[in-house]
């Protein structure tokens, strides 16, 4: 006798019984699930179960579906698909601690050596609920342990990466670790289809949080990746649209635009409280932009010119330059006697179209000067340029 006969029969019988009272859109799916189970077509069964749980009409049925049906055949389903089903079922529990207990039960049945990805996803999704319970230490431990496992795998399903980066971002948001939240959130967005997988409200919230974290991140001085991401367009037409304009102002080092948007800061108290930091940051961005726009041969800049570009008193310019040097935004040397800074390198950036146009013009100018030098050398010493 097949050892799976009894549970399989019980599960199939339950599905057929539920089909009689289920909403019309679920009835054929439940009947198909029972048929696929009896025929042991587990791959197709997994897909059908996913379709059932994806239906809003199945919400009240999902917990019992897992307990009476899915758990009976869990050993026959792909572990990662099983965890995906469990993650969606966990959302039906009213209290986070109930969801934690449910997902921990799922995790215990997974063999870490045979299904490391599935176990990581179960652990990290459990950590998401722990975060809501304020269990920060346990959440951090789950993130760290999952990171070690993922680093050791040769390949990883994108859904697992998405879960990992989403929960990591949630943790860093709670901890107010802006730069870490910014990086984790951008990595999460790289793992999902923004318009298919995120609701309109979720897109606005994520764009808002990313904008704030980019502005307040003490190590973030390049917004190009975010500015080019479609998530930022979610702010258009909303009360947060000014944050999008503020990001572009920072990217351009446009202090005038920054000052014009300052009256809106009270709408975001955290930005209002960080005004001094933001003022220094926009000055650093203005300095970077001013250096970037200069030809390579004209990067010995007087302090009074920097003061003009950054709208700072000249007495504060040296401190600003030292800050830029310490952050690794530029490399060079300060001449305190001549009151100049000689810049040899500027931090690479993701450029917008106007900045790319400026770079193109500089390259064209450089090519012209190289050609002119070649013509001069040819006229003065043609033998140097004659092929041997």
Protein backbone atom coordinates (compact mmCIF):
# COMPACT_ATOMS: atom_id res chain seq x y z
CA UNK A 1 0.00 0.00 0.00
CA UNK A 2 1.26 3.49 -0.86
CA UNK A 3 2.17 5.33 2.34
CA UNK A 4 0.73 8.54 0.84
CA UNK A 5 -2.66 7.00 0.13
CA UNK A 6 -4.43 8.02 3.33
CA UNK A 7 -3.39 11.71 3.53
CA UNK A 8 -3.79 12.12 -0.21
CA UNK A 9 -7.31 10.77 -0.06
CA UNK A 10 -8.21 12.95 2.93
CA UNK A 11 -6.85 16.08 1.24
CA UNK A 12 -8.61 15.37 -2.06
CA UNK A 13 -11.88 14.66 -0.28
CA UNK A 14 -11.63 17.91 1.64
CA UNK A 15 -10.98 19.90 -1.57
CA UNK A 16 -14.00 18.33 -3.32
CA UNK A 17 -16.19 18.99 -0.30
CA UNK A 18 -15.09 22.64 -0.12
CA UNK A 19 -15.72 23.10 -3.84
CA UNK A 20 -19.47 22.71 -3.30
CA UNK A 21 -19.65 25.77 -1.03
CA UNK A 22 -16.76 27.79 -2.46
CA UNK A 23 -17.19 30.98 -4.50
CA UNK A 24 -17.81 30.33 -8.18
CA UNK A 25 -14.28 31.34 -9.25
CA UNK A 26 -12.71 28.88 -6.78
CA UNK A 27 -14.91 25.83 -7.41
CA UNK A 28 -13.16 24.65 -10.64
CA UNK A 29 -9.74 25.31 -9.12
CA UNK A 30 -10.46 23.23 -6.02
CA UNK A 31 -11.82 20.41 -8.15
CA UNK A 32 -8.72 20.57 -10.34
CA UNK A 33 -6.48 20.51 -7.24
CA UNK A 34 -8.20 17.31 -6.04
CA UNK A 35 -7.80 15.73 -9.48
CA UNK A 36 -4.13 16.68 -9.79
CA UNK A 37 -3.44 15.33 -6.32
CA UNK A 38 -5.07 12.00 -7.09
CA UNK A 39 -2.96 11.77 -10.26
CA UNK A 40 0.17 12.85 -8.37
CA UNK A 41 0.86 15.71 -10.78
CA UNK A 42 2.58 17.79 -8.13
CA UNK A 43 4.10 20.49 -10.32
CA UNK A 44 0.73 21.35 -11.84
CA UNK A 45 -0.82 21.07 -8.38
CA UNK A 46 1.59 23.69 -7.03
CA UNK A 47 0.59 26.08 -9.81
CA UNK A 48 -3.12 25.51 -9.16
CA UNK A 49 -2.72 26.10 -5.42
CA UNK A 50 -0.89 29.32 -6.18
CA UNK A 51 -3.80 30.40 -8.40
CA UNK A 52 -6.27 29.66 -5.60
CA UNK A 53 -4.37 31.67 -3.00
CA UNK A 54 -3.91 34.56 -5.43
CA UNK A 55 -7.71 34.98 -5.65
CA UNK A 56 -9.08 37.57 -3.17
CA UNK A 57 -12.15 35.35 -2.69
CA UNK A 58 -9.95 32.66 -1.10
CA UNK A 59 -8.86 34.81 1.87
CA UNK A 60 -11.18 33.18 4.42
CA UNK A 61 -10.27 29.73 3.12
CA UNK A 62 -6.48 29.97 2.97
CA UNK A 63 -5.52 28.91 6.50
CA UNK A 64 -7.75 25.82 6.35
CA UNK A 65 -6.54 25.11 2.80
CA UNK A 66 -2.99 24.97 4.11
CA UNK A 67 -3.83 22.89 7.18
CA UNK A 68 -6.15 20.40 5.47
CA UNK A 69 -4.62 20.20 2.00
CA UNK A 70 -1.21 21.75 1.42
CA UNK A 71 0.42 20.40 4.58
CA UNK A 72 -0.70 16.88 3.64
CA UNK A 73 1.30 17.00 0.41
CA UNK A 74 4.04 19.43 1.45
CA UNK A 75 6.71 16.76 1.05
CA UNK A 76 5.80 16.36 -2.63
CA UNK A 77 5.86 20.04 -3.56
CA UNK A 78 8.90 22.06 -4.56
CA UNK A 79 10.20 23.53 -1.25
CA UNK A 80 10.47 27.07 -2.60
CA UNK A 81 6.96 26.92 -4.05
CA UNK A 82 5.71 25.57 -0.71
CA UNK A 83 7.26 28.49 1.18
CA UNK A 84 5.76 30.91 -1.33
CA UNK A 85 2.32 29.50 -0.57
CA UNK A 86 2.95 29.64 3.17
CA UNK A 87 4.11 33.26 3.01
CA UNK A 88 0.85 34.32 1.42
CA UNK A 89 -1.23 32.26 3.84
CA UNK A 90 0.58 33.86 6.79
CA UNK A 91 -0.92 37.22 5.83
CA UNK A 92 -4.34 35.92 6.85
CA UNK A 93 -3.38 35.72 10.53
CA UNK A 94 -4.62 38.71 12.45
CA UNK A 95 -1.72 38.81 14.92
CA UNK A 96 1.99 38.84 14.02
CA UNK A 97 2.82 36.25 16.69
CA UNK A 98 0.38 33.82 15.04
CA UNK A 99 2.08 34.34 11.69
CA UNK A 100 5.48 33.76 13.35
CA UNK A 101 4.32 30.49 14.87
CA UNK A 102 2.85 29.35 11.56
CA UNK A 103 5.98 30.15 9.54
CA UNK A 104 8.26 28.62 12.15
CA UNK A 105 6.30 25.40 11.77
CA UNK A 106 6.87 25.54 8.00
CA UNK A 107 10.59 26.24 8.52
CA UNK A 108 11.08 23.27 10.82
CA UNK A 109 9.90 20.90 8.09
CA UNK A 110 12.51 22.17 5.60
CA UNK A 111 15.89 20.48 5.29
CA UNK A 112 18.53 23.20 5.23
CA UNK A 113 20.96 20.98 3.32
CA UNK A 114 18.47 20.05 0.59
CA UNK A 115 16.45 23.27 0.33
CA UNK A 116 18.66 26.15 1.55
CA UNK A 117 16.90 28.81 -0.53
CA UNK A 118 13.46 27.79 0.69
CA UNK A 119 14.61 27.76 4.30
CA UNK A 120 16.21 31.20 3.95
CA UNK A 121 13.00 32.58 2.51
CA UNK A 122 10.96 31.08 5.35
CA UNK A 123 13.37 32.45 7.98
CA UNK A 124 13.52 35.92 6.46
CA UNK A 125 9.74 36.17 6.06
CA UNK A 126 9.35 35.12 9.69
CA UNK A 127 11.77 37.89 10.59
CA UNK A 128 9.46 40.38 8.89
CA UNK A 129 6.75 39.58 11.42
CA UNK A 130 9.26 39.62 14.26
CA UNK A 131 10.11 43.17 13.21
CA UNK A 132 6.46 44.17 13.70
CA UNK A 133 6.67 42.68 17.19
CA UNK A 134 9.71 44.83 17.96
CA UNK A 135 12.08 41.86 18.11
CA UNK A 136 14.95 43.75 16.48
CA UNK A 137 17.78 41.53 17.72
CA UNK A 138 16.12 38.37 16.40
CA UNK A 139 15.37 40.11 13.10
CA UNK A 140 18.99 41.19 12.74
CA UNK A 141 20.19 37.68 13.54
CA UNK A 142 17.91 36.21 10.87
CA UNK A 143 19.17 38.74 8.30
CA UNK A 144 22.83 38.06 9.12
CA UNK A 145 22.44 34.28 9.06
CA UNK A 146 20.49 34.41 5.80
CA UNK A 147 23.14 36.61 4.23
CA UNK A 148 25.83 34.05 5.04
CA UNK A 149 23.78 31.23 3.48
CA UNK A 150 22.97 33.23 0.35
CA UNK A 151 26.61 34.24 -0.12
CA UNK A 152 27.54 30.56 -0.21
CA UNK A 153 25.03 29.55 -2.90
CA UNK A 154 26.08 29.42 -6.57
CA UNK A 155 22.73 30.74 -7.78
CA UNK A 156 19.66 32.18 -6.08
CA UNK A 157 16.04 32.50 -7.17
CA UNK A 158 15.10 36.14 -7.59
CA UNK A 159 12.09 35.73 -5.27
CA UNK A 160 14.44 34.79 -2.44
CA UNK A 161 16.61 37.82 -3.10
CA UNK A 162 13.49 40.00 -3.19
CA UNK A 163 12.38 38.76 0.23
CA UNK A 164 15.85 39.22 1.69
CA UNK A 165 16.29 42.79 0.46
CA UNK A 166 12.72 43.79 1.35
CA UNK A 167 13.03 42.62 4.95
CA UNK A 168 16.56 44.05 5.24
CA UNK A 169 15.18 47.39 4.08
CA UNK A 170 12.35 47.22 6.62
CA UNK A 171 14.85 46.56 9.40
CA UNK A 172 17.12 49.46 8.39
CA UNK A 173 14.08 51.75 8.17
CA UNK A 174 13.09 50.94 11.75
CA UNK A 175 16.70 51.58 12.84
CA UNK A 176 16.81 54.87 10.86
CA UNK A 177 19.89 53.61 9.00
CA UNK A 178 19.25 55.67 5.90
CA UNK A 179 22.12 54.63 3.66
CA UNK A 180 21.61 50.92 4.34
CA UNK A 181 17.87 51.26 3.77
CA UNK A 182 18.54 53.10 0.50
CA UNK A 183 20.83 50.36 -0.83
CA UNK A 184 18.62 47.47 0.29
CA UNK A 185 15.50 49.10 -1.17
CA UNK A 186 17.08 49.71 -4.57
CA UNK A 187 18.25 46.08 -4.64
CA UNK A 188 14.72 44.96 -3.75
CA UNK A 189 13.26 47.03 -6.60
CA UNK A 190 15.76 45.40 -8.96
CA UNK A 191 14.20 42.02 -8.06
CA UNK A 192 10.56 42.91 -8.75
CA UNK A 193 8.39 44.33 -11.49
CA UNK A 194 7.48 47.70 -10.01
CA UNK A 195 4.15 48.06 -11.79
CA UNK A 196 3.09 44.41 -11.58
CA UNK A 197 4.22 43.50 -8.07
CA UNK A 198 3.62 46.76 -6.20
CA UNK A 199 0.32 48.57 -5.72
CA UNK A 200 0.06 52.27 -6.55
CA UNK A 201 -0.01 53.16 -2.85
CA UNK A 202 3.02 50.97 -2.14
CA UNK A 203 4.93 52.60 -5.01
CA UNK A 204 4.29 56.06 -3.58
CA UNK A 205 5.35 55.00 -0.08
CA UNK A 206 8.53 53.36 -1.33
CA UNK A 207 9.43 56.32 -3.52
CA UNK A 208 8.85 58.66 -0.59
CA UNK A 209 11.01 56.60 1.78
CA UNK A 210 13.76 56.27 -0.82
CA UNK A 211 13.78 60.03 -1.43
CA UNK A 212 14.05 60.81 2.29
CA UNK A 213 16.78 58.20 2.84
CA UNK A 214 18.78 59.49 -0.13
CA UNK A 215 18.66 63.01 1.28
CA UNK A 216 19.54 62.00 4.85
CA UNK A 217 22.08 59.26 4.08
CA UNK A 218 25.43 60.49 5.31
CA UNK A 219 27.31 58.54 2.63
CA UNK A 220 24.93 59.07 -0.30
CA UNK A 221 26.10 61.78 -2.68
CA UNK A 222 25.05 60.19 -5.94
CA UNK A 223 21.31 60.01 -6.62
CA UNK A 224 21.58 59.04 -10.28
CA UNK A 225 20.37 55.45 -9.87
CA UNK A 226 17.25 56.58 -8.03
CA UNK A 227 16.58 59.52 -10.35
CA UNK A 228 16.49 57.17 -13.34
CA UNK A 229 14.30 54.57 -11.63
CA UNK A 230 10.59 54.53 -12.61
CA UNK A 231 9.59 54.26 -8.92
CA UNK A 232 10.37 57.97 -8.51
CA UNK A 233 7.69 58.90 -11.06
CA UNK A 234 5.13 57.56 -8.57
CA UNK A 235 5.51 60.88 -6.71
CA UNK A 236 4.25 62.90 -9.68
CA UNK A 237 0.85 64.40 -8.97
CA UNK A 238 1.06 63.62 -5.24
CA UNK A 239 1.71 65.78 -2.19
CA UNK A 240 5.26 64.41 -2.18
CA UNK A 241 6.17 65.58 -5.67
CA UNK A 242 8.37 68.32 -4.21
CA UNK A 243 10.69 65.62 -2.83
CA UNK A 244 11.37 64.50 -6.38
CA UNK A 245 12.25 68.08 -7.33
CA UNK A 246 14.48 68.31 -4.27
CA UNK A 247 16.41 65.21 -5.32
CA UNK A 248 17.05 66.67 -8.76
CA UNK A 249 18.18 69.93 -7.14
CA UNK A 250 20.70 68.02 -5.03
CA UNK A 251 21.92 66.02 -8.01
CA UNK A 252 22.57 69.26 -9.89
CA UNK A 253 24.06 71.01 -6.88
CA UNK A 254 21.44 73.70 -7.48
CA UNK A 255 21.42 75.70 -4.25
CA UNK A 256 18.85 78.17 -5.62
CA UNK A 257 16.34 75.37 -6.24
CA UNK A 258 17.11 73.94 -2.80
CA UNK A 259 16.32 77.27 -1.16
CA UNK A 260 13.11 77.66 -3.15
CA UNK A 261 11.89 74.31 -1.79
CA UNK A 262 12.85 74.98 1.82
CA UNK A 263 9.40 76.40 2.73
CA UNK A 264 8.01 72.88 2.14
CA UNK A 265 10.35 71.24 4.65
CA UNK A 266 7.81 71.44 7.52
CA UNK A 267 5.78 68.83 5.60
CA UNK A 268 8.61 66.40 6.41
CA UNK A 269 9.62 67.13 10.03
CA UNK A 270 12.67 64.87 9.78
CA UNK A 271 14.03 67.02 6.95
CA UNK A 272 13.23 70.17 8.88
CA UNK A 273 15.18 68.83 11.86
CA UNK A 274 18.12 67.95 9.56
CA UNK A 275 18.28 71.33 7.85
CA UNK A 276 21.90 72.02 8.83
CA UNK A 277 23.04 68.66 7.45
CA UNK A 278 21.07 69.15 4.23
CA UNK A 279 22.54 72.64 3.78
CA UNK A 280 26.06 71.19 4.05
CA UNK A 281 25.14 68.34 1.71
CA UNK A 282 23.80 70.64 -1.01
CA UNK A 283 26.99 72.73 -0.72
CA UNK A 284 29.08 69.58 -1.19
CA UNK A 285 26.97 68.63 -4.22
CA UNK A 286 27.44 72.14 -5.63
CA UNK A 287 31.20 71.80 -5.14
CA UNK A 288 31.27 68.42 -6.90
CA UNK A 289 29.20 69.76 -9.79
CA UNK A 290 31.41 72.84 -10.15
CA UNK A 291 34.53 70.66 -10.31
CA UNK A 292 32.92 68.18 -12.68
CA UNK A 293 31.99 70.92 -15.16
CA UNK A 294 35.53 72.26 -15.31
CA UNK A 295 38.03 70.93 -17.88
CA UNK A 296 40.67 68.59 -16.46
CA UNK A 297 43.32 71.27 -16.92
CA UNK A 298 41.40 73.89 -14.96
CA UNK A 299 40.90 72.19 -11.63
CA UNK A 300 42.98 74.48 -9.46
CA UNK A 301 40.14 76.47 -7.95
CA UNK A 302 40.37 79.55 -5.74
CA UNK A 303 38.49 79.62 -2.47
CA UNK A 304 36.56 82.73 -3.50
CA UNK A 305 35.29 80.87 -6.59
CA UNK A 306 34.18 77.94 -4.42
CA UNK A 307 32.46 80.41 -2.09
CA UNK A 308 30.59 81.86 -5.04
CA UNK A 309 29.54 78.41 -6.33
CA UNK A 310 28.38 77.18 -2.92
CA UNK A 311 27.02 80.48 -1.54
CA UNK A 312 29.16 80.08 1.56
CA UNK A 313 31.28 82.69 3.34
CA UNK A 314 34.86 82.30 2.15
CA UNK A 315 35.93 81.54 5.72
CA UNK A 316 33.90 78.30 5.61
CA UNK A 317 35.21 77.09 2.24
CA UNK A 318 38.30 75.29 3.55
CA UNK A 319 36.18 73.28 6.01
CA UNK A 320 33.81 72.30 3.18
CA UNK A 321 36.70 71.14 0.99
CA UNK A 322 38.19 69.14 3.86
CA UNK A 323 34.79 67.51 4.35
CA UNK A 324 34.65 66.56 0.67
CA UNK A 325 38.16 65.11 0.89
CA UNK A 326 37.37 63.10 4.04
CA UNK A 327 34.20 61.65 2.47
CA UNK A 328 36.15 60.57 -0.61
CA UNK A 329 34.06 62.77 -2.90
CA UNK A 330 37.17 64.39 -4.34
CA UNK A 331 40.94 63.88 -4.22
CA UNK A 332 43.47 66.63 -4.27
CA UNK A 333 45.39 69.08 -2.11
CA UNK A 334 44.70 72.39 -0.41
CA UNK A 335 47.14 75.30 -0.75
CA UNK A 336 46.41 77.41 2.31
CA UNK A 337 48.82 80.14 1.25
CA UNK A 338 47.38 80.62 -2.22
CA UNK A 339 43.91 79.74 -0.88
CA UNK A 340 43.24 77.26 -3.66
CA UNK A 341 42.36 73.59 -3.99
CA UNK A 342 43.88 71.38 -6.68
CA UNK A 343 41.49 68.55 -7.57
CA UNK A 344 42.84 65.43 -9.26
CA UNK A 345 39.75 63.18 -9.07
CA UNK A 346 35.99 63.45 -8.60
CA UNK A 347 33.77 60.62 -7.41
CA UNK A 348 32.18 58.81 -10.40
CA UNK A 349 28.50 59.58 -10.82
CA UNK A 350 25.42 58.39 -12.66
CA UNK A 351 24.76 61.33 -14.95
CA UNK A 352 21.47 62.80 -16.13
CA UNK A 353 21.03 64.04 -19.72
CA UNK A 354 22.29 67.62 -19.19
CA UNK A 355 25.38 66.27 -17.40
CA UNK A 356 25.99 63.76 -20.20
CA UNK A 357 25.72 66.63 -22.70
CA UNK A 358 28.31 68.61 -20.75
CA UNK A 359 30.60 65.57 -20.67
CA UNK A 360 30.18 65.09 -24.41
CA UNK A 361 31.15 68.72 -25.02
CA UNK A 362 34.24 68.31 -22.85
CA UNK A 363 35.28 65.15 -24.72
CA UNK A 364 34.77 66.96 -28.05
CA UNK A 365 36.92 69.85 -26.79
CA UNK A 366 39.61 67.41 -25.64
CA UNK A 367 39.59 65.65 -29.04
CA UNK A 368 39.95 69.01 -30.74
CA UNK A 369 42.95 69.96 -28.62
CA UNK A 370 44.59 66.57 -29.24
CA UNK A 371 44.12 66.99 -33.00
CA UNK A 372 45.55 70.51 -32.82
CA UNK A 373 48.58 69.24 -30.89
CA UNK A 374 49.08 66.53 -33.53
CA UNK A 375 48.98 69.06 -36.35
CA UNK A 376 51.46 71.29 -34.53
CA UNK A 377 53.84 68.38 -33.91
CA UNK A 378 53.54 67.37 -37.55
CA UNK A 379 54.44 70.84 -38.77
CA UNK A 380 57.38 71.30 -36.37
CA UNK A 381 58.89 67.79 -36.47
CA UNK A 382 57.16 65.70 -39.16
CA UNK A 383 59.72 62.92 -38.82
CA UNK A 384 58.34 62.10 -35.35
CA UNK A 385 54.98 61.17 -36.83
CA UNK A 386 56.27 59.34 -39.90
CA UNK A 387 55.61 55.61 -39.86
CA UNK A 388 58.80 53.57 -39.96
